[in-house]
């Protein structure tokens, strides 16, 4: 019997060696490709941040050494800011427009620049979204929440006499909305009466207001629809001591409504009673937050300072 002839071919060990070598080469290639791709993304993000910094800095030179206001950033520089990743740019500017921080996000990679550091730095400004991930921010939906520059959006019931322009007066160094009862009938202060707040239907919202009464009395905080006619739920009624600033809080589901008016309501009293309202906080959800607006550290206005909604971290 003849021995079988020796067959030509690769052994299993040789095949395994080839497979391992191919796998190693593939891993090296993929790693190199990813490295090149990541460097390209980083370069694009850095370039976007650097260009944005130059545009903002140019306004500082040309406009009396002030940086663009949040609401003017797009018209001045062409950079449209956002707080929800809808654009690549997030922008925070101080109330005096002397300092700023701007975050750019390209391919989910964030870099930021400031008035003191124009070199793009990996990361994001405080409260800005990082690498496309939304941070823990809240929004005070109340426009002109503390009447710091004007009484825009606030109104007084006919049975309240305004003190100063539109009821806006300065008390203890702070601007407030104030009304004096001129009749012994039910009266009310309607906040943002001329500027209804847009809300999402079938969603809960929480409103709070810092209220002071010149006399001991009970005041109600409500959320109303249809102007001043209809309240959503019963509201919150709280007994106030005379002259003591007190925060009243109310949470309610707005139902099918998409626009509402926070309202302070005084059901009875005497001629000459004075009601003062300040620092209104209106947020989505049932959580009670401490008052904050665009003048609070880490917060930004969505539009004109002191006359728009604002966003930032809980304080």
C-alpha atoms as a PDB file:
ATOM      1  CA  UNK A   1       0.000   0.000   0.000  1.00  0.00           C
ATOM      2  CA  UNK A   2       1.359   3.368  -0.999  1.00  0.00           C
ATOM      3  CA  UNK A   3       1.652   6.211   1.507  1.00  0.00           C
ATOM      4  CA  UNK A   4      -0.617   9.154   0.728  1.00  0.00           C
ATOM      5  CA  UNK A   5       1.165  11.842  -1.144  1.00  0.00           C
ATOM      6  CA  UNK A   6       1.958  14.958   0.862  1.00  0.00           C
ATOM      7  CA  UNK A   7      -0.674  17.674   0.174  1.00  0.00           C
ATOM      8  CA  UNK A   8       0.343  21.303  -0.457  1.00  0.00           C
ATOM      9  CA  UNK A   9      -1.496  24.115   1.530  1.00  0.00           C
ATOM     10  CA  UNK A  10      -1.582  26.175   4.725  1.00  0.00           C
ATOM     11  CA  UNK A  11      -1.803  24.654   8.117  1.00  0.00           C
ATOM     12  CA  UNK A  12      -4.363  25.849  10.645  1.00  0.00           C
ATOM     13  CA  UNK A  13      -1.630  27.622  12.620  1.00  0.00           C
ATOM     14  CA  UNK A  14      -0.481  29.488   9.537  1.00  0.00           C
ATOM     15  CA  UNK A  15      -4.047  30.577   8.765  1.00  0.00           C
ATOM     16  CA  UNK A  16      -4.512  31.795  12.302  1.00  0.00           C
ATOM     17  CA  UNK A  17      -1.311  33.832  12.075  1.00  0.00           C
ATOM     18  CA  UNK A  18      -2.521  35.445   8.851  1.00  0.00           C
ATOM     19  CA  UNK A  19      -5.913  36.298  10.424  1.00  0.00           C
ATOM     20  CA  UNK A  20      -4.237  37.823  13.464  1.00  0.00           C
ATOM     21  CA  UNK A  21      -1.899  39.908  11.311  1.00  0.00           C
ATOM     22  CA  UNK A  22      -4.818  41.174   9.208  1.00  0.00           C
ATOM     23  CA  UNK A  23      -6.767  42.043  12.384  1.00  0.00           C
ATOM     24  CA  UNK A  24      -3.804  43.970  13.782  1.00  0.00           C
ATOM     25  CA  UNK A  25      -3.347  45.897  10.559  1.00  0.00           C
ATOM     26  CA  UNK A  26      -7.087  46.685  10.431  1.00  0.00           C
ATOM     27  CA  UNK A  27      -7.040  47.930  14.026  1.00  0.00           C
ATOM     28  CA  UNK A  28      -4.049  50.146  13.290  1.00  0.00           C
ATOM     29  CA  UNK A  29      -5.753  51.525  10.186  1.00  0.00           C
ATOM     30  CA  UNK A  30      -9.047  52.203  11.974  1.00  0.00           C
ATOM     31  CA  UNK A  31      -7.277  53.847  14.888  1.00  0.00           C
ATOM     32  CA  UNK A  32      -5.278  56.040  12.551  1.00  0.00           C
ATOM     33  CA  UNK A  33      -8.405  56.957  10.580  1.00  0.00           C
ATOM     34  CA  UNK A  34     -10.353  57.787  13.731  1.00  0.00           C
ATOM     35  CA  UNK A  35      -7.446  59.867  14.965  1.00  0.00           C
ATOM     36  CA  UNK A  36      -7.344  61.826  11.726  1.00  0.00           C
ATOM     37  CA  UNK A  37     -11.121  62.240  11.785  1.00  0.00           C
ATOM     38  CA  UNK A  38     -11.135  63.402  15.433  1.00  0.00           C
ATOM     39  CA  UNK A  39      -8.336  65.859  14.758  1.00  0.00           C
ATOM     40  CA  UNK A  40     -10.286  67.210  11.805  1.00  0.00           C
ATOM     41  CA  UNK A  41     -13.401  67.643  13.991  1.00  0.00           C
ATOM     42  CA  UNK A  42     -11.355  69.318  16.710  1.00  0.00           C
ATOM     43  CA  UNK A  43      -9.739  71.616  14.181  1.00  0.00           C
ATOM     44  CA  UNK A  44     -13.147  72.594  12.766  1.00  0.00           C
ATOM     45  CA  UNK A  45     -14.561  73.232  16.250  1.00  0.00           C
ATOM     46  CA  UNK A  46     -11.511  75.279  17.259  1.00  0.00           C
ATOM     47  CA  UNK A  47     -11.670  77.280  14.046  1.00  0.00           C
ATOM     48  CA  UNK A  48     -15.378  78.028  14.572  1.00  0.00           C
ATOM     49  CA  UNK A  49     -14.685  79.197  18.129  1.00  0.00           C
ATOM     50  CA  UNK A  50     -11.757  81.357  17.038  1.00  0.00           C
ATOM     51  CA  UNK A  51     -13.766  82.999  14.254  1.00  0.00           C
ATOM     52  CA  UNK A  52     -16.668  83.629  16.613  1.00  0.00           C
ATOM     53  CA  UNK A  53     -14.326  85.215  19.160  1.00  0.00           C
ATOM     54  CA  UNK A  54     -12.970  87.594  16.509  1.00  0.00           C
ATOM     55  CA  UNK A  55     -16.480  88.679  15.488  1.00  0.00           C
ATOM     56  CA  UNK A  56     -17.531  89.350  19.077  1.00  0.00           C
ATOM     57  CA  UNK A  57     -14.253  91.162  19.845  1.00  0.00           C
ATOM     58  CA  UNK A  58     -14.708  93.388  16.786  1.00  0.00           C
ATOM     59  CA  UNK A  59     -17.946  94.716  18.240  1.00  0.00           C
ATOM     60  CA  UNK A  60     -16.081  95.565  21.464  1.00  0.00           C
ATOM     61  CA  UNK A  61     -13.686  97.764  19.495  1.00  0.00           C
ATOM     62  CA  UNK A  62     -16.349  99.415  17.336  1.00  0.00           C
ATOM     63  CA  UNK A  63     -19.094  99.858  19.937  1.00  0.00           C
ATOM     64  CA  UNK A  64     -17.740 101.804  22.918  1.00  0.00           C
ATOM     65  CA  UNK A  65     -15.939  98.798  24.356  1.00  0.00           C
ATOM     66  CA  UNK A  66     -19.041  96.683  24.846  1.00  0.00           C
ATOM     67  CA  UNK A  67     -19.771  93.184  23.584  1.00  0.00           C
ATOM     68  CA  UNK A  68     -23.049  92.428  21.758  1.00  0.00           C
ATOM     69  CA  UNK A  69     -26.155  91.959  23.895  1.00  0.00           C
ATOM     70  CA  UNK A  70     -27.577  88.442  23.717  1.00  0.00           C
ATOM     71  CA  UNK A  71     -30.490  89.570  21.563  1.00  0.00           C
ATOM     72  CA  UNK A  72     -28.190  91.472  19.186  1.00  0.00           C
ATOM     73  CA  UNK A  73     -25.553  88.785  18.639  1.00  0.00           C
ATOM     74  CA  UNK A  74     -27.015  87.447  15.394  1.00  0.00           C
ATOM     75  CA  UNK A  75     -27.633  90.847  13.798  1.00  0.00           C
ATOM     76  CA  UNK A  76     -24.146  92.089  14.709  1.00  0.00           C
ATOM     77  CA  UNK A  77     -22.024  88.998  14.109  1.00  0.00           C
ATOM     78  CA  UNK A  78     -24.216  86.586  12.139  1.00  0.00           C
ATOM     79  CA  UNK A  79     -23.920  84.045  14.976  1.00  0.00           C
ATOM     80  CA  UNK A  80     -27.344  82.896  16.121  1.00  0.00           C
ATOM     81  CA  UNK A  81     -27.232  81.853  19.799  1.00  0.00           C
ATOM     82  CA  UNK A  82     -29.364  79.130  21.327  1.00  0.00           C
ATOM     83  CA  UNK A  83     -29.779  77.300  24.631  1.00  0.00           C
ATOM     84  CA  UNK A  84     -31.026  74.003  23.178  1.00  0.00           C
ATOM     85  CA  UNK A  85     -28.383  72.960  20.606  1.00  0.00           C
ATOM     86  CA  UNK A  86     -30.524  74.244  17.729  1.00  0.00           C
ATOM     87  CA  UNK A  87     -27.505  76.269  16.563  1.00  0.00           C
ATOM     88  CA  UNK A  88     -23.750  75.731  17.066  1.00  0.00           C
ATOM     89  CA  UNK A  89     -23.440  78.832  19.269  1.00  0.00           C
ATOM     90  CA  UNK A  90     -24.231  79.501  22.922  1.00  0.00           C
ATOM     91  CA  UNK A  91     -23.544  82.937  24.326  1.00  0.00           C
ATOM     92  CA  UNK A  92     -23.494  84.550  27.752  1.00  0.00           C
ATOM     93  CA  UNK A  93     -22.836  88.257  28.224  1.00  0.00           C
ATOM     94  CA  UNK A  94     -22.798  90.315  31.409  1.00  0.00           C
ATOM     95  CA  UNK A  95     -25.466  92.955  31.983  1.00  0.00           C
ATOM     96  CA  UNK A  96     -22.920  95.750  31.383  1.00  0.00           C
ATOM     97  CA  UNK A  97     -21.714  93.952  28.226  1.00  0.00           C
ATOM     98  CA  UNK A  98     -18.102  94.062  29.411  1.00  0.00           C
ATOM     99  CA  UNK A  99     -17.564  90.293  29.712  1.00  0.00           C
ATOM    100  CA  UNK A 100     -18.742  87.328  27.655  1.00  0.00           C
ATOM    101  CA  UNK A 101     -18.371  83.587  27.230  1.00  0.00           C
ATOM    102  CA  UNK A 102     -19.192  81.845  23.943  1.00  0.00           C
ATOM    103  CA  UNK A 103     -19.372  78.100  23.264  1.00  0.00           C
ATOM    104  CA  UNK A 104     -19.271  76.587  19.782  1.00  0.00           C
ATOM    105  CA  UNK A 105     -20.190  72.968  19.155  1.00  0.00           C
ATOM    106  CA  UNK A 106     -19.200  71.224  15.917  1.00  0.00           C
ATOM    107  CA  UNK A 107     -19.801  67.488  15.378  1.00  0.00           C
ATOM    108  CA  UNK A 108     -20.707  67.239  19.089  1.00  0.00           C
ATOM    109  CA  UNK A 109     -17.358  68.686  20.131  1.00  0.00           C
ATOM    110  CA  UNK A 110     -17.419  71.910  22.176  1.00  0.00           C
ATOM    111  CA  UNK A 111     -14.855  74.682  22.543  1.00  0.00           C
ATOM    112  CA  UNK A 112     -15.322  77.998  24.302  1.00  0.00           C
ATOM    113  CA  UNK A 113     -13.788  81.469  24.273  1.00  0.00           C
ATOM    114  CA  UNK A 114     -14.113  84.404  26.676  1.00  0.00           C
ATOM    115  CA  UNK A 115     -13.286  88.089  26.793  1.00  0.00           C
ATOM    116  CA  UNK A 116     -10.046  87.205  28.615  1.00  0.00           C
ATOM    117  CA  UNK A 117      -9.096  84.134  26.560  1.00  0.00           C
ATOM    118  CA  UNK A 118      -9.593  84.202  22.804  1.00  0.00           C
ATOM    119  CA  UNK A 119      -7.782  80.884  22.362  1.00  0.00           C
ATOM    120  CA  UNK A 120     -10.403  78.124  21.933  1.00  0.00           C
ATOM    121  CA  UNK A 121     -10.455  75.901  25.009  1.00  0.00           C
ATOM    122  CA  UNK A 122     -11.978  72.451  24.998  1.00  0.00           C
ATOM    123  CA  UNK A 123     -15.209  72.358  27.017  1.00  0.00           C
ATOM    124  CA  UNK A 124     -18.120  74.761  27.486  1.00  0.00           C
ATOM    125  CA  UNK A 125     -19.004  77.930  29.361  1.00  0.00           C
ATOM    126  CA  UNK A 126     -20.883  77.528  32.658  1.00  0.00           C
ATOM    127  CA  UNK A 127     -24.537  76.462  32.022  1.00  0.00           C
ATOM    128  CA  UNK A 128     -23.852  75.856  28.296  1.00  0.00           C
ATOM    129  CA  UNK A 129     -24.474  72.478  26.703  1.00  0.00           C
ATOM    130  CA  UNK A 130     -21.286  70.414  26.415  1.00  0.00           C
ATOM    131  CA  UNK A 131     -20.579  68.287  23.323  1.00  0.00           C
ATOM    132  CA  UNK A 132     -24.221  68.387  22.307  1.00  0.00           C
ATOM    133  CA  UNK A 133     -25.491  67.169  25.691  1.00  0.00           C
ATOM    134  CA  UNK A 134     -28.110  69.407  27.298  1.00  0.00           C
ATOM    135  CA  UNK A 135     -27.066  70.542  30.771  1.00  0.00           C
ATOM    136  CA  UNK A 136     -29.279  70.968  33.818  1.00  0.00           C
ATOM    137  CA  UNK A 137     -30.828  74.318  32.975  1.00  0.00           C
ATOM    138  CA  UNK A 138     -34.230  75.790  33.716  1.00  0.00           C
ATOM    139  CA  UNK A 139     -36.083  78.680  32.115  1.00  0.00           C
ATOM    140  CA  UNK A 140     -37.911  81.497  33.845  1.00  0.00           C
ATOM    141  CA  UNK A 141     -40.642  82.083  31.276  1.00  0.00           C
ATOM    142  CA  UNK A 142     -41.750  85.358  32.851  1.00  0.00           C
ATOM    143  CA  UNK A 143     -40.783  88.320  30.666  1.00  0.00           C
ATOM    144  CA  UNK A 144     -39.662  91.371  32.639  1.00  0.00           C
ATOM    145  CA  UNK A 145     -39.814  89.389  35.892  1.00  0.00           C
ATOM    146  CA  UNK A 146     -38.363  92.105  38.130  1.00  0.00           C
ATOM    147  CA  UNK A 147     -39.160  95.388  36.275  1.00  0.00           C
ATOM    148  CA  UNK A 148     -35.505  96.431  36.364  1.00  0.00           C
ATOM    149  CA  UNK A 149     -35.633  98.674  33.296  1.00  0.00           C
ATOM    150  CA  UNK A 150     -39.322  99.281  32.478  1.00  0.00           C
ATOM    151  CA  UNK A 151     -42.870  98.256  33.355  1.00  0.00           C
ATOM    152  CA  UNK A 152     -43.386  96.637  29.930  1.00  0.00           C
ATOM    153  CA  UNK A 153     -45.864  93.761  30.043  1.00  0.00           C
ATOM    154  CA  UNK A 154     -47.283  94.607  33.455  1.00  0.00           C
ATOM    155  CA  UNK A 155     -50.758  96.020  34.069  1.00  0.00           C
ATOM    156  CA  UNK A 156     -52.892  97.105  37.020  1.00  0.00           C
ATOM    157  CA  UNK A 157     -56.609  96.575  37.499  1.00  0.00           C
ATOM    158  CA  UNK A 158     -58.760  99.705  37.222  1.00  0.00           C
ATOM    159  CA  UNK A 159     -59.335  99.594  40.984  1.00  0.00           C
ATOM    160  CA  UNK A 160     -55.623 100.026  41.671  1.00  0.00           C
ATOM    161  CA  UNK A 161     -53.999 103.424  41.328  1.00  0.00           C
ATOM    162  CA  UNK A 162     -50.525 103.260  39.779  1.00  0.00           C
ATOM    163  CA  UNK A 163     -47.646 104.893  41.599  1.00  0.00           C
ATOM    164  CA  UNK A 164     -45.134 106.231  39.123  1.00  0.00           C
ATOM    165  CA  UNK A 165     -45.056 105.142  35.472  1.00  0.00           C
ATOM    166  CA  UNK A 166     -47.217 102.057  35.012  1.00  0.00           C
ATOM    167  CA  UNK A 167     -47.056 101.257  38.717  1.00  0.00           C
ATOM    168  CA  UNK A 168     -43.251 100.821  38.618  1.00  0.00           C
ATOM    169  CA  UNK A 169     -41.588 102.336  41.668  1.00  0.00           C
ATOM    170  CA  UNK A 170     -38.356 101.921  43.597  1.00  0.00           C
ATOM    171  CA  UNK A 171     -38.623 100.518  47.104  1.00  0.00           C
ATOM    172  CA  UNK A 172     -35.536  99.916  49.233  1.00  0.00           C
ATOM    173  CA  UNK A 173     -33.272 100.271  46.209  1.00  0.00           C
ATOM    174  CA  UNK A 174     -35.248  97.728  44.115  1.00  0.00           C
ATOM    175  CA  UNK A 175     -37.716  98.305  41.335  1.00  0.00           C
ATOM    176  CA  UNK A 176     -41.163  96.769  41.915  1.00  0.00           C
ATOM    177  CA  UNK A 177     -44.706  96.916  40.579  1.00  0.00           C
ATOM    178  CA  UNK A 178     -46.978  98.610  43.081  1.00  0.00           C
ATOM    179  CA  UNK A 179     -50.661  99.471  43.222  1.00  0.00           C
ATOM    180  CA  UNK A 180     -52.790 101.366  45.759  1.00  0.00           C
ATOM    181  CA  UNK A 181     -56.390 100.298  46.265  1.00  0.00           C
ATOM    182  CA  UNK A 182     -58.733 103.108  45.327  1.00  0.00           C
ATOM    183  CA  UNK A 183     -61.975 101.272  46.028  1.00  0.00           C
ATOM    184  CA  UNK A 184     -63.299  98.955  48.700  1.00  0.00           C
ATOM    185  CA  UNK A 185     -64.185  96.278  46.150  1.00  0.00           C
ATOM    186  CA  UNK A 186     -62.318  93.267  44.825  1.00  0.00           C
ATOM    187  CA  UNK A 187     -59.153  94.407  43.101  1.00  0.00           C
ATOM    188  CA  UNK A 188     -56.240  92.706  41.442  1.00  0.00           C
ATOM    189  CA  UNK A 189     -52.787  93.163  40.024  1.00  0.00           C
ATOM    190  CA  UNK A 190     -52.421  91.355  36.721  1.00  0.00           C
ATOM    191  CA  UNK A 191     -48.858  90.437  35.823  1.00  0.00           C
ATOM    192  CA  UNK A 192     -47.802  90.344  32.173  1.00  0.00           C
ATOM    193  CA  UNK A 193     -51.365  91.190  31.232  1.00  0.00           C
ATOM    194  CA  UNK A 194     -50.274  92.711  27.933  1.00  0.00           C
ATOM    195  CA  UNK A 195     -47.776  89.908  27.273  1.00  0.00           C
ATOM    196  CA  UNK A 196     -49.352  86.452  27.717  1.00  0.00           C
ATOM    197  CA  UNK A 197     -46.874  83.683  28.405  1.00  0.00           C
ATOM    198  CA  UNK A 198     -46.820  80.865  25.857  1.00  0.00           C
ATOM    199  CA  UNK A 199     -47.081  77.425  27.487  1.00  0.00           C
ATOM    200  CA  UNK A 200     -47.433  73.796  26.375  1.00  0.00           C
ATOM    201  CA  UNK A 201     -50.940  72.379  26.684  1.00  0.00           C
ATOM    202  CA  UNK A 202     -51.610  69.694  29.302  1.00  0.00           C
ATOM    203  CA  UNK A 203     -48.386  70.536  31.137  1.00  0.00           C
ATOM    204  CA  UNK A 204     -47.816  71.577  34.737  1.00  0.00           C
ATOM    205  CA  UNK A 205     -46.215  74.922  35.551  1.00  0.00           C
ATOM    206  CA  UNK A 206     -45.077  76.533  38.780  1.00  0.00           C
ATOM    207  CA  UNK A 207     -45.280  80.264  39.400  1.00  0.00           C
ATOM    208  CA  UNK A 208     -44.095  82.238  42.399  1.00  0.00           C
ATOM    209  CA  UNK A 209     -44.007  85.943  43.225  1.00  0.00           C
ATOM    210  CA  UNK A 210     -42.538  88.036  46.007  1.00  0.00           C
ATOM    211  CA  UNK A 211     -45.482  90.012  47.382  1.00  0.00           C
ATOM    212  CA  UNK A 212     -45.743  92.689  50.059  1.00  0.00           C
ATOM    213  CA  UNK A 213     -48.905  94.229  51.504  1.00  0.00           C
ATOM    214  CA  UNK A 214     -49.058  97.427  53.532  1.00  0.00           C
ATOM    215  CA  UNK A 215     -51.692  95.801  55.763  1.00  0.00           C
ATOM    216  CA  UNK A 216     -52.231  92.276  57.051  1.00  0.00           C
ATOM    217  CA  UNK A 217     -54.401  90.507  54.482  1.00  0.00           C
ATOM    218  CA  UNK A 218     -54.725  87.362  52.369  1.00  0.00           C
ATOM    219  CA  UNK A 219     -53.550  87.526  48.758  1.00  0.00           C
ATOM    220  CA  UNK A 220     -54.017  84.912  46.030  1.00  0.00           C
ATOM    221  CA  UNK A 221     -51.599  83.859  43.296  1.00  0.00           C
ATOM    222  CA  UNK A 222     -53.360  82.420  40.258  1.00  0.00           C
ATOM    223  CA  UNK A 223     -52.699  81.483  36.651  1.00  0.00           C
ATOM    224  CA  UNK A 224     -55.434  82.906  34.455  1.00  0.00           C
ATOM    225  CA  UNK A 225     -56.597  82.648  30.858  1.00  0.00           C
ATOM    226  CA  UNK A 226     -58.712  84.856  28.645  1.00  0.00           C
ATOM    227  CA  UNK A 227     -57.320  88.099  29.956  1.00  0.00           C
ATOM    228  CA  UNK A 228     -58.461  88.508  33.542  1.00  0.00           C
ATOM    229  CA  UNK A 229     -61.650  86.502  33.414  1.00  0.00           C
ATOM    230  CA  UNK A 230     -60.879  82.876  34.199  1.00  0.00           C
ATOM    231  CA  UNK A 231     -58.469  81.253  36.610  1.00  0.00           C
ATOM    232  CA  UNK A 232     -56.957  77.794  36.106  1.00  0.00           C
ATOM    233  CA  UNK A 233     -57.642  76.041  39.389  1.00  0.00           C
ATOM    234  CA  UNK A 234     -58.188  77.786  42.683  1.00  0.00           C
ATOM    235  CA  UNK A 235     -54.731  79.293  42.995  1.00  0.00           C
ATOM    236  CA  UNK A 236     -52.833  79.692  46.266  1.00  0.00           C
ATOM    237  CA  UNK A 237     -54.053  82.032  49.002  1.00  0.00           C
ATOM    238  CA  UNK A 238     -51.635  83.123  51.699  1.00  0.00           C
ATOM    239  CA  UNK A 239     -52.023  85.355  54.744  1.00  0.00           C
ATOM    240  CA  UNK A 240     -49.439  88.132  54.719  1.00  0.00           C
ATOM    241  CA  UNK A 241     -48.243  90.168  57.667  1.00  0.00           C
ATOM    242  CA  UNK A 242     -48.113  93.910  57.083  1.00  0.00           C
ATOM    243  CA  UNK A 243     -44.939  95.056  55.370  1.00  0.00           C
ATOM    244  CA  UNK A 244     -43.302  91.602  55.196  1.00  0.00           C
ATOM    245  CA  UNK A 245     -42.163  90.460  51.701  1.00  0.00           C
ATOM    246  CA  UNK A 246     -43.541  86.926  51.234  1.00  0.00           C
ATOM    247  CA  UNK A 247     -43.156  84.494  48.352  1.00  0.00           C
ATOM    248  CA  UNK A 248     -46.418  82.919  47.189  1.00  0.00           C
ATOM    249  CA  UNK A 249     -46.170  79.733  45.100  1.00  0.00           C
ATOM    250  CA  UNK A 250     -48.717  77.978  42.895  1.00  0.00           C
ATOM    251  CA  UNK A 251     -48.471  74.866  40.674  1.00  0.00           C
ATOM    252  CA  UNK A 252     -51.169  73.826  38.194  1.00  0.00           C
ATOM    253  CA  UNK A 253     -51.675  71.890  34.966  1.00  0.00           C
ATOM    254  CA  UNK A 254     -52.726  74.392  32.284  1.00  0.00           C
ATOM    255  CA  UNK A 255     -54.971  71.877  30.504  1.00  0.00           C
ATOM    256  CA  UNK A 256     -55.751  72.713  26.881  1.00  0.00           C
ATOM    257  CA  UNK A 257     -54.537  76.317  27.228  1.00  0.00           C
ATOM    258  CA  UNK A 258     -51.453  77.565  25.414  1.00  0.00           C
ATOM    259  CA  UNK A 259     -51.151  81.083  26.860  1.00  0.00           C
ATOM    260  CA  UNK A 260     -51.598  82.247  30.436  1.00  0.00           C
ATOM    261  CA  UNK A 261     -51.241  85.257  32.747  1.00  0.00           C
ATOM    262  CA  UNK A 262     -49.820  84.932  36.289  1.00  0.00           C
ATOM    263  CA  UNK A 263     -52.036  87.039  38.536  1.00  0.00           C
ATOM    264  CA  UNK A 264     -51.916  88.380  42.073  1.00  0.00           C
ATOM    265  CA  UNK A 265     -55.456  88.824  43.362  1.00  0.00           C
ATOM    266  CA  UNK A 266     -56.664  90.764  46.380  1.00  0.00           C
ATOM    267  CA  UNK A 267     -60.270  89.868  47.206  1.00  0.00           C
ATOM    268  CA  UNK A 268     -61.074  92.639  49.688  1.00  0.00           C
ATOM    269  CA  UNK A 269     -59.562  95.584  51.478  1.00  0.00           C
ATOM    270  CA  UNK A 270     -59.708  99.273  52.243  1.00  0.00           C
ATOM    271  CA  UNK A 271     -58.886 102.380  50.248  1.00  0.00           C
ATOM    272  CA  UNK A 272     -55.178 103.122  50.548  1.00  0.00           C
ATOM    273  CA  UNK A 273     -53.996  99.513  50.906  1.00  0.00           C
ATOM    274  CA  UNK A 274     -50.757  99.062  48.952  1.00  0.00           C
ATOM    275  CA  UNK A 275     -49.752  95.834  47.205  1.00  0.00           C
ATOM    276  CA  UNK A 276     -46.215  95.339  45.846  1.00  0.00           C
ATOM    277  CA  UNK A 277     -45.041  92.556  43.508  1.00  0.00           C
ATOM    278  CA  UNK A 278     -41.502  91.626  42.468  1.00  0.00           C
ATOM    279  CA  UNK A 279     -39.279  88.732  41.291  1.00  0.00           C
ATOM    280  CA  UNK A 280     -41.804  86.544  39.484  1.00  0.00           C
ATOM    281  CA  UNK A 281     -40.590  83.016  38.680  1.00  0.00           C
ATOM    282  CA  UNK A 282     -42.551  80.980  36.100  1.00  0.00           C
ATOM    283  CA  UNK A 283     -41.141  77.533  35.210  1.00  0.00           C
ATOM    284  CA  UNK A 284     -42.310  74.345  33.555  1.00  0.00           C
ATOM    285  CA  UNK A 285     -42.891  71.437  35.926  1.00  0.00           C
ATOM    286  CA  UNK A 286     -43.860  71.072  39.559  1.00  0.00           C
ATOM    287  CA  UNK A 287     -40.493  71.862  41.126  1.00  0.00           C
ATOM    288  CA  UNK A 288     -40.230  75.052  43.151  1.00  0.00           C
ATOM    289  CA  UNK A 289     -37.052  76.951  42.248  1.00  0.00           C
ATOM    290  CA  UNK A 290     -35.443  79.931  43.922  1.00  0.00           C
ATOM    291  CA  UNK A 291     -35.828  83.146  41.967  1.00  0.00           C
ATOM    292  CA  UNK A 292     -33.349  83.785  39.149  1.00  0.00           C
ATOM    293  CA  UNK A 293     -33.204  85.764  35.912  1.00  0.00           C
ATOM    294  CA  UNK A 294     -30.670  86.873  33.307  1.00  0.00           C
ATOM    295  CA  UNK A 295     -28.926  89.041  35.889  1.00  0.00           C
ATOM    296  CA  UNK A 296     -28.197  85.984  38.046  1.00  0.00           C
ATOM    297  CA  UNK A 297     -24.716  84.493  37.767  1.00  0.00           C
ATOM    298  CA  UNK A 298     -24.634  81.809  35.052  1.00  0.00           C
ATOM    299  CA  UNK A 299     -28.009  82.848  33.575  1.00  0.00           C
ATOM    300  CA  UNK A 300     -28.700  84.386  30.173  1.00  0.00           C
ATOM    301  CA  UNK A 301     -31.590  86.386  28.724  1.00  0.00           C
ATOM    302  CA  UNK A 302     -33.319  84.904  25.679  1.00  0.00           C
ATOM    303  CA  UNK A 303     -33.741  88.372  24.210  1.00  0.00           C
ATOM    304  CA  UNK A 304     -33.538  91.936  25.486  1.00  0.00           C
ATOM    305  CA  UNK A 305     -32.050  92.085  28.971  1.00  0.00           C
ATOM    306  CA  UNK A 306     -34.686  92.453  31.713  1.00  0.00           C
ATOM    307  CA  UNK A 307     -37.514  92.230  29.173  1.00  0.00           C
ATOM    308  CA  UNK A 308     -37.457  88.560  28.137  1.00  0.00           C
ATOM    309  CA  UNK A 309     -37.387  85.037  29.492  1.00  0.00           C
ATOM    310  CA  UNK A 310     -34.071  83.745  30.842  1.00  0.00           C
ATOM    311  CA  UNK A 311     -32.289  80.429  31.422  1.00  0.00           C
ATOM    312  CA  UNK A 312     -29.632  79.026  33.702  1.00  0.00           C
ATOM    313  CA  UNK A 313     -28.900  76.466  36.407  1.00  0.00           C
ATOM    314  CA  UNK A 314     -31.068  76.154  39.531  1.00  0.00           C
ATOM    315  CA  UNK A 315     -29.854  78.467  42.279  1.00  0.00           C
END
